[in-house]
Each structure stands twice: as C-alpha cells, then as structure tokens.
Amino acid sequence: MSNVGVADNAISSSHDLRKEIERKGEEIWKTYCHNPPGYPTLFPPVPQLPTQLRDKLSGDNEDKMLRYRGESVVHAALANLPENLVVLQGFEFTHQEFGLYMSQSPDSNKSDKDIEGGCDFVAISDNHVVIFDVRSLDLEGEGAGDLFLKNFKESIQLRAKVSKLALRIIIKTFRFKMPAVRQFTVFPHVCRSVCEKMPQFTALSDTEKSSLLFSNDLENFSTWWSNQSKADKGKKDKEFHSAIQRVKQTLIGICRWTGIM
C-alpha cells in the first residue's frame, strides 16, 4: 500500500514540475516574444560566445573560435527566415527534465541536475520542430573522411536524444495531428562537393545524407528551409496552434540561456 502512495506522489511531483516549466516558459514568452508576424525570436538575440573565450581570446582557443564562427553563421541563417520561429541556441536539459517526459524513467546513475543531452539550436515554427547540431570543422588533408564520419555519428546520437525529448513533449501536448520533429547536422565550414568525394559520405544512406547541411546550403538557407518545410505546411485548426504554442513555451521553459533566467 505504501508503494502505491509513493508512486502517486512521484506522479503528482512530475506533473507539478512540468507545469512549472510551462509556467516559466509562458512568462518568458510574454516578456520577450513581441516580434511581428514573419520575424523569428531568438534566444539569445545574438550568438553566444563560448565561455572559454569570454575572458581571453588566444591562439589556444582557435578551435573554439572556429566553433563560434560556425554557430554564428547558423544563427544568422535562422534569424533571417521570414517565419514565426522561436530559436533556442545552446539548448540543454537535465536528467530530471528528460525523465519528466519519458513514459519510463531513464535508467542511469546520473543525478537530477546532471546534463542529459542538448544541441546547438532548436527551432520551433508554427508547423514543426527542427533540431540542428553544428560541427565546425575544417575537413582538409589526410584523415578528413574519418573525421567527418566520426563527427556525424556522434551528432546522430546527440540529435536523437533531443528529438526524443521533443517528441515526448509533443505527445503529451497534442491529442490528434502532431507536428513533425526533424533533425540535421550542419558543417558550416565545408562545401557539399568536398564531402561528396569522400567514400565515407558516399557510403551513407539517402536518409543520412538528407540530414546533412553544408556551407552552400546555408548560403541559400531560405530556399532550403522552404523546401524541407513543404510537407508540414497546410491549414491548421485552433487546437493545433494552441498546442504548438504550449510546445514552444515548454522548450523555452527548459532552455537555460542566462539572459532570460
């Protein structure tokens, strides 16, 4: 009998925590999301500088600067889309937050506050959720193909966990037709034609290849975005718009950008 009571308390606690995340997201939304229709809202409004670079920029930080430049390019591409987007940069979630939305608690030795997963950008439109993991590498010289494949495989794992969280939030929010969750790996410093010459790239499946973006895709990002969004557009009812709004606010509530905390 006592076990049932403990389970009931845990369910109630999880429900309260999810409501608190939604409440926090709604508060942030009301405070910061005032852009007119057709303009994205980005958190942060300018690209985040990696922590290690804020105090001192030196040659030792060359890789981190490359990453910053890569993320800045993606940030600018998303900022220039003519859509009602919410874009979260540096999206992370804790072990506890991940567990709140899973049908079963994830088995792990992690504590509640440990970071469970994350990605560089989450973009939530009125029609779908799009996850971007940015890999800021210069793929040149010997071993470039192996480096590409290693990073892509790592990225797939990171994307999958963020996608799983987003899907579970959507499932808990929507009753009927649900928005799609799409995920991509971005190589902002590499041209597609360079990777197409690599045997590691040609060995990928069509699905894997379609989840990759390169520098030339970012140069024509509005066209790319429009093409990949076509299947998700269409007339949506009031209930759908209300539910996608709750998804936006939930993901904002989980977001940990210090400028809004």
C-alpha atoms as a PDB file:
ATOM      1  CA  MET A   1       0.000   0.000   0.000  1.00  0.00           C
ATOM      2  CA  SER A   2       2.845   2.373   0.860  1.00  0.00           C
ATOM      3  CA  ASN A   3       4.405   1.716  -2.563  1.00  0.00           C
ATOM      4  CA  VAL A   4       1.238   2.958  -4.249  1.00  0.00           C
ATOM      5  CA  GLY A   5       1.390   6.135  -2.185  1.00  0.00           C
ATOM      6  CA  VAL A   6       4.995   6.760  -3.170  1.00  0.00           C
ATOM      7  CA  ALA A   7       4.126   6.220  -6.846  1.00  0.00           C
ATOM      8  CA  ASP A   8       1.178   8.629  -6.604  1.00  0.00           C
ATOM      9  CA  ASN A   9       3.409  11.269  -5.008  1.00  0.00           C
ATOM     10  CA  ALA A  10       6.002  10.817  -7.755  1.00  0.00           C
ATOM     11  CA  ILE A  11       3.331  11.250 -10.464  1.00  0.00           C
ATOM     12  CA  SER A  12       1.988  14.350  -8.743  1.00  0.00           C
ATOM     13  CA  SER A  13       5.500  15.764  -8.367  1.00  0.00           C
ATOM     14  CA  SER A  14       6.294  15.152 -12.056  1.00  0.00           C
ATOM     15  CA  HIS A  15       3.029  16.846 -13.065  1.00  0.00           C
ATOM     16  CA  ASP A  16       3.839  19.852 -10.874  1.00  0.00           C
ATOM     17  CA  LEU A  17       7.357  20.134 -12.303  1.00  0.00           C
ATOM     18  CA  ARG A  18       6.068  20.016 -15.874  1.00  0.00           C
ATOM     19  CA  LYS A  19       3.526  22.721 -15.032  1.00  0.00           C
ATOM     20  CA  GLU A  20       6.298  24.849 -13.525  1.00  0.00           C
ATOM     21  CA  ILE A  21       8.368  24.505 -16.713  1.00  0.00           C
ATOM     22  CA  GLU A  22       5.334  25.574 -18.780  1.00  0.00           C
ATOM     23  CA  ARG A  23       4.670  28.486 -16.425  1.00  0.00           C
ATOM     24  CA  LYS A  24       8.259  29.695 -16.676  1.00  0.00           C
ATOM     25  CA  GLY A  25       8.176  29.349 -20.471  1.00  0.00           C
ATOM     26  CA  GLU A  26       4.921  31.287 -20.687  1.00  0.00           C
ATOM     27  CA  GLU A  27       6.386  34.068 -18.548  1.00  0.00           C
ATOM     28  CA  ILE A  28       9.485  34.316 -20.746  1.00  0.00           C
ATOM     29  CA  TRP A  29       7.287  34.259 -23.851  1.00  0.00           C
ATOM     30  CA  LYS A  30       5.151  37.159 -22.622  1.00  0.00           C
ATOM     31  CA  THR A  31       8.248  39.150 -21.658  1.00  0.00           C
ATOM     32  CA  TYR A  32      10.447  38.638 -24.719  1.00  0.00           C
ATOM     33  CA  CYS A  33       8.426  37.349 -27.691  1.00  0.00           C
ATOM     34  CA  HIS A  34       6.994  40.525 -29.210  1.00  0.00           C
ATOM     35  CA  ASN A  35       8.217  40.284 -32.798  1.00  0.00           C
ATOM     36  CA  PRO A  36       5.615  40.954 -35.506  1.00  0.00           C
ATOM     37  CA  PRO A  37       4.424  38.086 -37.729  1.00  0.00           C
ATOM     38  CA  GLY A  38       7.094  36.815 -40.083  1.00  0.00           C
ATOM     39  CA  TYR A  39      10.046  37.514 -37.775  1.00  0.00           C
ATOM     40  CA  PRO A  40      11.871  34.927 -35.658  1.00  0.00           C
ATOM     41  CA  THR A  41      12.531  35.331 -31.945  1.00  0.00           C
ATOM     42  CA  LEU A  42      15.988  34.097 -30.963  1.00  0.00           C
ATOM     43  CA  PHE A  43      17.354  33.227 -27.539  1.00  0.00           C
ATOM     44  CA  PRO A  44      19.918  34.741 -27.303  1.00  0.00           C
ATOM     45  CA  PRO A  45      19.290  37.526 -29.839  1.00  0.00           C
ATOM     46  CA  VAL A  46      22.998  37.481 -30.788  1.00  0.00           C
ATOM     47  CA  PRO A  47      25.216  34.365 -30.974  1.00  0.00           C
ATOM     48  CA  GLN A  48      26.627  33.158 -27.674  1.00  0.00           C
ATOM     49  CA  LEU A  49      30.391  33.405 -27.263  1.00  0.00           C
ATOM     50  CA  PRO A  50      31.765  30.135 -25.823  1.00  0.00           C
ATOM     51  CA  THR A  51      32.526  30.545 -22.120  1.00  0.00           C
ATOM     52  CA  GLN A  52      36.232  29.786 -22.572  1.00  0.00           C
ATOM     53  CA  LEU A  53      36.562  32.779 -24.914  1.00  0.00           C
ATOM     54  CA  ARG A  54      34.826  35.425 -22.856  1.00  0.00           C
ATOM     55  CA  ASP A  55      37.813  36.267 -20.676  1.00  0.00           C
ATOM     56  CA  LYS A  56      40.686  35.862 -23.121  1.00  0.00           C
ATOM     57  CA  LEU A  57      40.980  35.259 -26.829  1.00  0.00           C
ATOM     58  CA  SER A  58      44.224  33.490 -27.693  1.00  0.00           C
ATOM     59  CA  GLY A  59      45.738  31.045 -30.157  1.00  0.00           C
ATOM     60  CA  ASP A  60      44.913  28.232 -27.756  1.00  0.00           C
ATOM     61  CA  ASN A  61      41.241  28.922 -28.453  1.00  0.00           C
ATOM     62  CA  GLU A  62      41.456  28.564 -32.244  1.00  0.00           C
ATOM     63  CA  ASP A  63      39.118  25.551 -32.320  1.00  0.00           C
ATOM     64  CA  LYS A  64      36.613  27.327 -30.087  1.00  0.00           C
ATOM     65  CA  MET A  65      36.674  30.399 -32.310  1.00  0.00           C
ATOM     66  CA  LEU A  66      36.026  28.149 -35.327  1.00  0.00           C
ATOM     67  CA  ARG A  67      33.024  26.744 -33.494  1.00  0.00           C
ATOM     68  CA  TYR A  68      31.789  30.220 -32.596  1.00  0.00           C
ATOM     69  CA  ARG A  69      32.053  31.376 -36.209  1.00  0.00           C
ATOM     70  CA  GLY A  70      30.190  28.278 -37.381  1.00  0.00           C
ATOM     71  CA  GLU A  71      27.359  28.747 -34.898  1.00  0.00           C
ATOM     72  CA  SER A  72      27.183  32.452 -35.778  1.00  0.00           C
ATOM     73  CA  VAL A  73      26.568  31.559 -39.434  1.00  0.00           C
ATOM     74  CA  VAL A  74      23.722  29.201 -38.466  1.00  0.00           C
ATOM     75  CA  HIS A  75      22.324  31.767 -36.019  1.00  0.00           C
ATOM     76  CA  ALA A  76      22.256  34.413 -38.782  1.00  0.00           C
ATOM     77  CA  ALA A  77      20.628  31.999 -41.244  1.00  0.00           C
ATOM     78  CA  LEU A  78      17.819  31.257 -38.800  1.00  0.00           C
ATOM     79  CA  ALA A  79      17.442  34.927 -37.836  1.00  0.00           C
ATOM     80  CA  ASN A  80      16.823  35.870 -41.484  1.00  0.00           C
ATOM     81  CA  LEU A  81      13.996  33.409 -42.081  1.00  0.00           C
ATOM     82  CA  PRO A  82      10.621  35.100 -42.705  1.00  0.00           C
ATOM     83  CA  GLU A  83       8.825  32.825 -40.224  1.00  0.00           C
ATOM     84  CA  ASN A  84       7.219  32.932 -36.792  1.00  0.00           C
ATOM     85  CA  LEU A  85      10.056  30.929 -35.287  1.00  0.00           C
ATOM     86  CA  VAL A  86      11.352  30.540 -31.791  1.00  0.00           C
ATOM     87  CA  VAL A  87      15.053  29.639 -31.929  1.00  0.00           C
ATOM     88  CA  LEU A  88      16.912  28.376 -28.859  1.00  0.00           C
ATOM     89  CA  GLN A  89      20.712  28.324 -29.049  1.00  0.00           C
ATOM     90  CA  GLY A  90      22.739  26.113 -26.718  1.00  0.00           C
ATOM     91  CA  PHE A  91      19.683  24.049 -25.758  1.00  0.00           C
ATOM     92  CA  GLU A  92      20.372  21.660 -22.867  1.00  0.00           C
ATOM     93  CA  PHE A  93      18.234  19.631 -20.490  1.00  0.00           C
ATOM     94  CA  THR A  94      18.913  17.821 -17.252  1.00  0.00           C
ATOM     95  CA  HIS A  95      18.459  14.176 -16.371  1.00  0.00           C
ATOM     96  CA  GLN A  96      15.425  15.129 -14.295  1.00  0.00           C
ATOM     97  CA  GLU A  97      13.817  17.164 -17.096  1.00  0.00           C
ATOM     98  CA  PHE A  98      14.350  14.329 -19.559  1.00  0.00           C
ATOM     99  CA  GLY A  99      12.712  11.884 -17.161  1.00  0.00           C
ATOM    100  CA  LEU A 100       9.668  14.134 -16.693  1.00  0.00           C
ATOM    101  CA  TYR A 101       8.542  13.495 -20.262  1.00  0.00           C
ATOM    102  CA  MET A 102       9.523   9.857 -20.735  1.00  0.00           C
ATOM    103  CA  SER A 103       6.951   7.076 -20.356  1.00  0.00           C
ATOM    104  CA  GLN A 104       9.532   5.307 -18.170  1.00  0.00           C
ATOM    105  CA  SER A 105      12.291   6.902 -16.116  1.00  0.00           C
ATOM    106  CA  PRO A 106      15.647   6.599 -17.908  1.00  0.00           C
ATOM    107  CA  ASP A 107      17.970   4.134 -16.206  1.00  0.00           C
ATOM    108  CA  SER A 108      21.094   5.990 -15.198  1.00  0.00           C
ATOM    109  CA  ASN A 109      23.450   6.767 -12.365  1.00  0.00           C
ATOM    110  CA  LYS A 110      23.138  10.474 -13.138  1.00  0.00           C
ATOM    111  CA  SER A 111      21.804  12.915 -10.565  1.00  0.00           C
ATOM    112  CA  ASP A 112      18.749  15.065 -11.317  1.00  0.00           C
ATOM    113  CA  LYS A 113      20.831  18.135 -12.170  1.00  0.00           C
ATOM    114  CA  ASP A 114      23.317  16.388 -14.461  1.00  0.00           C
ATOM    115  CA  ILE A 115      23.050  17.390 -18.123  1.00  0.00           C
ATOM    116  CA  GLU A 116      21.327  14.595 -20.039  1.00  0.00           C
ATOM    117  CA  GLY A 117      21.589  15.998 -23.542  1.00  0.00           C
ATOM    118  CA  GLY A 118      21.428  19.015 -25.798  1.00  0.00           C
ATOM    119  CA  CYS A 119      22.148  20.509 -29.196  1.00  0.00           C
ATOM    120  CA  ASP A 120      23.262  23.792 -30.703  1.00  0.00           C
ATOM    121  CA  PHE A 121      19.886  25.004 -31.980  1.00  0.00           C
ATOM    122  CA  VAL A 122      16.215  24.092 -31.627  1.00  0.00           C
ATOM    123  CA  ALA A 123      13.868  25.974 -33.970  1.00  0.00           C
ATOM    124  CA  ILE A 124      10.115  25.744 -33.313  1.00  0.00           C
ATOM    125  CA  SER A 125       7.846  27.015 -36.065  1.00  0.00           C
ATOM    126  CA  ASP A 126       4.054  27.036 -36.254  1.00  0.00           C
ATOM    127  CA  ASN A 127       4.290  23.679 -38.055  1.00  0.00           C
ATOM    128  CA  HIS A 128       7.261  21.670 -36.799  1.00  0.00           C
ATOM    129  CA  VAL A 129      10.315  21.390 -34.534  1.00  0.00           C
ATOM    130  CA  VAL A 130      13.773  21.364 -36.133  1.00  0.00           C
ATOM    131  CA  ILE A 131      16.970  20.329 -34.339  1.00  0.00           C
ATOM    132  CA  PHE A 132      20.421  21.413 -35.518  1.00  0.00           C
ATOM    133  CA  ASP A 133      23.771  20.095 -34.313  1.00  0.00           C
ATOM    134  CA  VAL A 134      26.658  22.202 -35.638  1.00  0.00           C
ATOM    135  CA  ARG A 135      30.044  20.639 -36.425  1.00  0.00           C
ATOM    136  CA  SER A 136      32.533  23.446 -37.038  1.00  0.00           C
ATOM    137  CA  LEU A 137      35.425  21.612 -38.668  1.00  0.00           C
ATOM    138  CA  ASP A 138      37.855  22.243 -41.484  1.00  0.00           C
ATOM    139  CA  LEU A 139      37.824  18.909 -43.313  1.00  0.00           C
ATOM    140  CA  GLU A 140      41.121  19.031 -45.119  1.00  0.00           C
ATOM    141  CA  GLY A 141      44.083  16.718 -45.586  1.00  0.00           C
ATOM    142  CA  GLU A 142      44.677  13.132 -44.539  1.00  0.00           C
ATOM    143  CA  GLY A 143      42.019  11.643 -42.302  1.00  0.00           C
ATOM    144  CA  ALA A 144      39.360  14.193 -43.260  1.00  0.00           C
ATOM    145  CA  GLY A 145      36.869  11.489 -44.263  1.00  0.00           C
ATOM    146  CA  ASP A 146      37.266   9.610 -40.984  1.00  0.00           C
ATOM    147  CA  LEU A 147      36.943  12.877 -39.036  1.00  0.00           C
ATOM    148  CA  PHE A 148      33.749  13.708 -40.936  1.00  0.00           C
ATOM    149  CA  LEU A 149      32.229  10.282 -40.239  1.00  0.00           C
ATOM    150  CA  LYS A 150      33.216  10.311 -36.546  1.00  0.00           C
ATOM    151  CA  ASN A 151      31.571  13.700 -36.020  1.00  0.00           C
ATOM    152  CA  PHE A 152      28.484  12.767 -37.989  1.00  0.00           C
ATOM    153  CA  LYS A 153      27.937   9.576 -35.969  1.00  0.00           C
ATOM    154  CA  GLU A 154      28.386  11.494 -32.704  1.00  0.00           C
ATOM    155  CA  SER A 155      25.947  14.106 -33.949  1.00  0.00           C
ATOM    156  CA  ILE A 156      23.308  11.500 -34.776  1.00  0.00           C
ATOM    157  CA  GLN A 157      23.357  10.302 -31.165  1.00  0.00           C
ATOM    158  CA  LEU A 158      23.052  13.836 -29.768  1.00  0.00           C
ATOM    159  CA  ARG A 159      20.250  14.730 -32.167  1.00  0.00           C
ATOM    160  CA  ALA A 160      18.335  11.557 -31.356  1.00  0.00           C
ATOM    161  CA  LYS A 161      18.102  12.317 -27.639  1.00  0.00           C
ATOM    162  CA  VAL A 162      16.902  15.885 -28.216  1.00  0.00           C
ATOM    163  CA  SER A 163      14.416  14.589 -30.787  1.00  0.00           C
ATOM    164  CA  LYS A 164      13.150  12.015 -28.282  1.00  0.00           C
ATOM    165  CA  LEU A 165      12.522  14.736 -25.694  1.00  0.00           C
ATOM    166  CA  ALA A 166      10.743  16.966 -28.226  1.00  0.00           C
ATOM    167  CA  LEU A 167       8.558  14.079 -29.399  1.00  0.00           C
ATOM    168  CA  ARG A 168       7.561  13.163 -25.859  1.00  0.00           C
ATOM    169  CA  ILE A 169       6.629  16.791 -25.119  1.00  0.00           C
ATOM    170  CA  ILE A 170       4.539  16.853 -28.292  1.00  0.00           C
ATOM    171  CA  ILE A 171       2.828  13.554 -27.437  1.00  0.00           C
ATOM    172  CA  LYS A 172       1.882  14.909 -24.001  1.00  0.00           C
ATOM    173  CA  THR A 173       0.545  18.121 -25.563  1.00  0.00           C
ATOM    174  CA  PHE A 174      -1.267  17.107 -28.758  1.00  0.00           C
ATOM    175  CA  ARG A 175      -4.389  14.942 -28.946  1.00  0.00           C
ATOM    176  CA  PHE A 176      -4.618  14.404 -32.692  1.00  0.00           C
ATOM    177  CA  LYS A 177      -2.450  15.524 -35.615  1.00  0.00           C
ATOM    178  CA  MET A 178       1.061  16.248 -34.340  1.00  0.00           C
ATOM    179  CA  PRO A 179       3.864  18.398 -35.792  1.00  0.00           C
ATOM    180  CA  ALA A 180       6.940  16.707 -37.221  1.00  0.00           C
ATOM    181  CA  VAL A 181      10.317  16.727 -35.479  1.00  0.00           C
ATOM    182  CA  ARG A 182      13.228  16.974 -37.914  1.00  0.00           C
ATOM    183  CA  GLN A 183      16.945  16.810 -37.143  1.00  0.00           C
ATOM    184  CA  PHE A 184      20.058  17.885 -39.023  1.00  0.00           C
ATOM    185  CA  THR A 185      23.831  18.036 -38.690  1.00  0.00           C
ATOM    186  CA  VAL A 186      25.447  21.199 -40.042  1.00  0.00           C
ATOM    187  CA  PHE A 187      29.024  21.515 -41.327  1.00  0.00           C
ATOM    188  CA  PRO A 188      29.153  25.315 -41.835  1.00  0.00           C
ATOM    189  CA  HIS A 189      32.807  25.461 -42.946  1.00  0.00           C
ATOM    190  CA  VAL A 190      32.608  22.628 -45.513  1.00  0.00           C
ATOM    191  CA  CYS A 191      31.218  22.682 -49.056  1.00  0.00           C
ATOM    192  CA  ARG A 192      28.957  19.776 -50.006  1.00  0.00           C
ATOM    193  CA  SER A 193      31.099  18.966 -53.044  1.00  0.00           C
ATOM    194  CA  VAL A 194      34.095  18.312 -50.766  1.00  0.00           C
ATOM    195  CA  CYS A 195      32.229  15.688 -48.752  1.00  0.00           C
ATOM    196  CA  GLU A 196      30.667  14.105 -51.817  1.00  0.00           C
ATOM    197  CA  LYS A 197      34.163  12.995 -52.856  1.00  0.00           C
ATOM    198  CA  MET A 198      34.697  11.119 -49.590  1.00  0.00           C
ATOM    199  CA  PRO A 199      33.964   7.361 -49.561  1.00  0.00           C
ATOM    200  CA  GLN A 200      32.660   7.800 -46.005  1.00  0.00           C
ATOM    201  CA  PHE A 201      29.989  10.163 -47.343  1.00  0.00           C
ATOM    202  CA  THR A 202      29.013   8.056 -50.355  1.00  0.00           C
ATOM    203  CA  ALA A 203      28.541   5.048 -48.068  1.00  0.00           C
ATOM    204  CA  LEU A 204      25.833   6.830 -46.083  1.00  0.00           C
ATOM    205  CA  SER A 205      22.174   6.034 -46.667  1.00  0.00           C
ATOM    206  CA  ASP A 206      19.953   8.512 -48.517  1.00  0.00           C
ATOM    207  CA  THR A 207      18.208   9.310 -45.226  1.00  0.00           C
ATOM    208  CA  GLU A 208      21.524  10.099 -43.544  1.00  0.00           C
ATOM    209  CA  LYS A 209      22.661  12.261 -46.457  1.00  0.00           C
ATOM    210  CA  SER A 210      19.403  14.215 -46.382  1.00  0.00           C
ATOM    211  CA  SER A 211      20.040  15.117 -42.735  1.00  0.00           C
ATOM    212  CA  LEU A 212      23.298  16.944 -43.597  1.00  0.00           C
ATOM    213  CA  LEU A 213      23.742  20.641 -44.318  1.00  0.00           C
ATOM    214  CA  PHE A 214      26.883  22.302 -45.665  1.00  0.00           C
ATOM    215  CA  SER A 215      28.148  25.835 -46.271  1.00  0.00           C
ATOM    216  CA  ASN A 216      26.392  26.158 -49.639  1.00  0.00           C
ATOM    217  CA  ASP A 217      23.083  25.117 -48.022  1.00  0.00           C
ATOM    218  CA  LEU A 218      23.480  27.955 -45.511  1.00  0.00           C
ATOM    219  CA  GLU A 219      24.116  30.426 -48.318  1.00  0.00           C
ATOM    220  CA  ASN A 220      20.667  29.546 -49.710  1.00  0.00           C
ATOM    221  CA  PHE A 221      19.090  28.764 -46.372  1.00  0.00           C
ATOM    222  CA  SER A 222      15.675  30.309 -47.007  1.00  0.00           C
ATOM    223  CA  THR A 223      15.241  28.089 -50.068  1.00  0.00           C
ATOM    224  CA  TRP A 224      16.440  25.023 -48.161  1.00  0.00           C
ATOM    225  CA  TRP A 225      14.084  25.786 -45.271  1.00  0.00           C
ATOM    226  CA  SER A 226      11.126  26.316 -47.573  1.00  0.00           C
ATOM    227  CA  ASN A 227      11.759  23.007 -49.369  1.00  0.00           C
ATOM    228  CA  GLN A 228      12.074  20.923 -46.208  1.00  0.00           C
ATOM    229  CA  SER A 229       9.018  22.603 -44.659  1.00  0.00           C
ATOM    230  CA  LYS A 230       6.618  21.995 -47.559  1.00  0.00           C
ATOM    231  CA  ALA A 231       5.311  18.690 -46.217  1.00  0.00           C
ATOM    232  CA  ASP A 232       4.462  20.262 -42.849  1.00  0.00           C
ATOM    233  CA  LYS A 233       2.564  23.296 -44.095  1.00  0.00           C
ATOM    234  CA  GLY A 234      -1.167  23.419 -44.533  1.00  0.00           C
ATOM    235  CA  LYS A 235      -4.267  24.580 -42.785  1.00  0.00           C
ATOM    236  CA  LYS A 236      -4.134  24.038 -39.017  1.00  0.00           C
ATOM    237  CA  ASP A 237      -7.050  24.390 -36.627  1.00  0.00           C
ATOM    238  CA  LYS A 238      -7.175  26.445 -33.447  1.00  0.00           C
ATOM    239  CA  GLU A 239      -6.411  23.423 -31.282  1.00  0.00           C
ATOM    240  CA  PHE A 240      -3.208  22.700 -33.228  1.00  0.00           C
ATOM    241  CA  HIS A 241      -1.993  26.303 -32.869  1.00  0.00           C
ATOM    242  CA  SER A 242      -2.760  26.265 -29.156  1.00  0.00           C
ATOM    243  CA  ALA A 243      -0.830  23.019 -28.697  1.00  0.00           C
ATOM    244  CA  ILE A 244       2.230  24.154 -30.697  1.00  0.00           C
ATOM    245  CA  GLN A 245       2.257  27.299 -28.569  1.00  0.00           C
ATOM    246  CA  ARG A 246       2.466  25.119 -25.452  1.00  0.00           C
ATOM    247  CA  VAL A 247       5.337  23.153 -27.014  1.00  0.00           C
ATOM    248  CA  LYS A 248       7.202  26.405 -27.687  1.00  0.00           C
ATOM    249  CA  GLN A 249       6.693  27.564 -24.129  1.00  0.00           C
ATOM    250  CA  THR A 250       7.747  24.211 -22.678  1.00  0.00           C
ATOM    251  CA  LEU A 251      11.003  24.181 -24.635  1.00  0.00           C
ATOM    252  CA  ILE A 252      11.628  27.822 -23.697  1.00  0.00           C
ATOM    253  CA  GLY A 253      10.999  26.865 -20.060  1.00  0.00           C
ATOM    254  CA  ILE A 254      13.668  24.180 -20.265  1.00  0.00           C
ATOM    255  CA  CYS A 255      16.139  26.478 -22.066  1.00  0.00           C
ATOM    256  CA  ARG A 256      18.970  27.730 -19.882  1.00  0.00           C
ATOM    257  CA  TRP A 257      20.143  30.924 -21.571  1.00  0.00           C
ATOM    258  CA  THR A 258      21.336  33.105 -18.694  1.00  0.00           C
ATOM    259  CA  GLY A 259      19.975  36.268 -20.299  1.00  0.00           C
ATOM    260  CA  ILE A 260      16.404  35.167 -19.542  1.00  0.00           C
ATOM    261  CA  MET A 261      16.932  33.383 -16.242  1.00  0.00           C
END
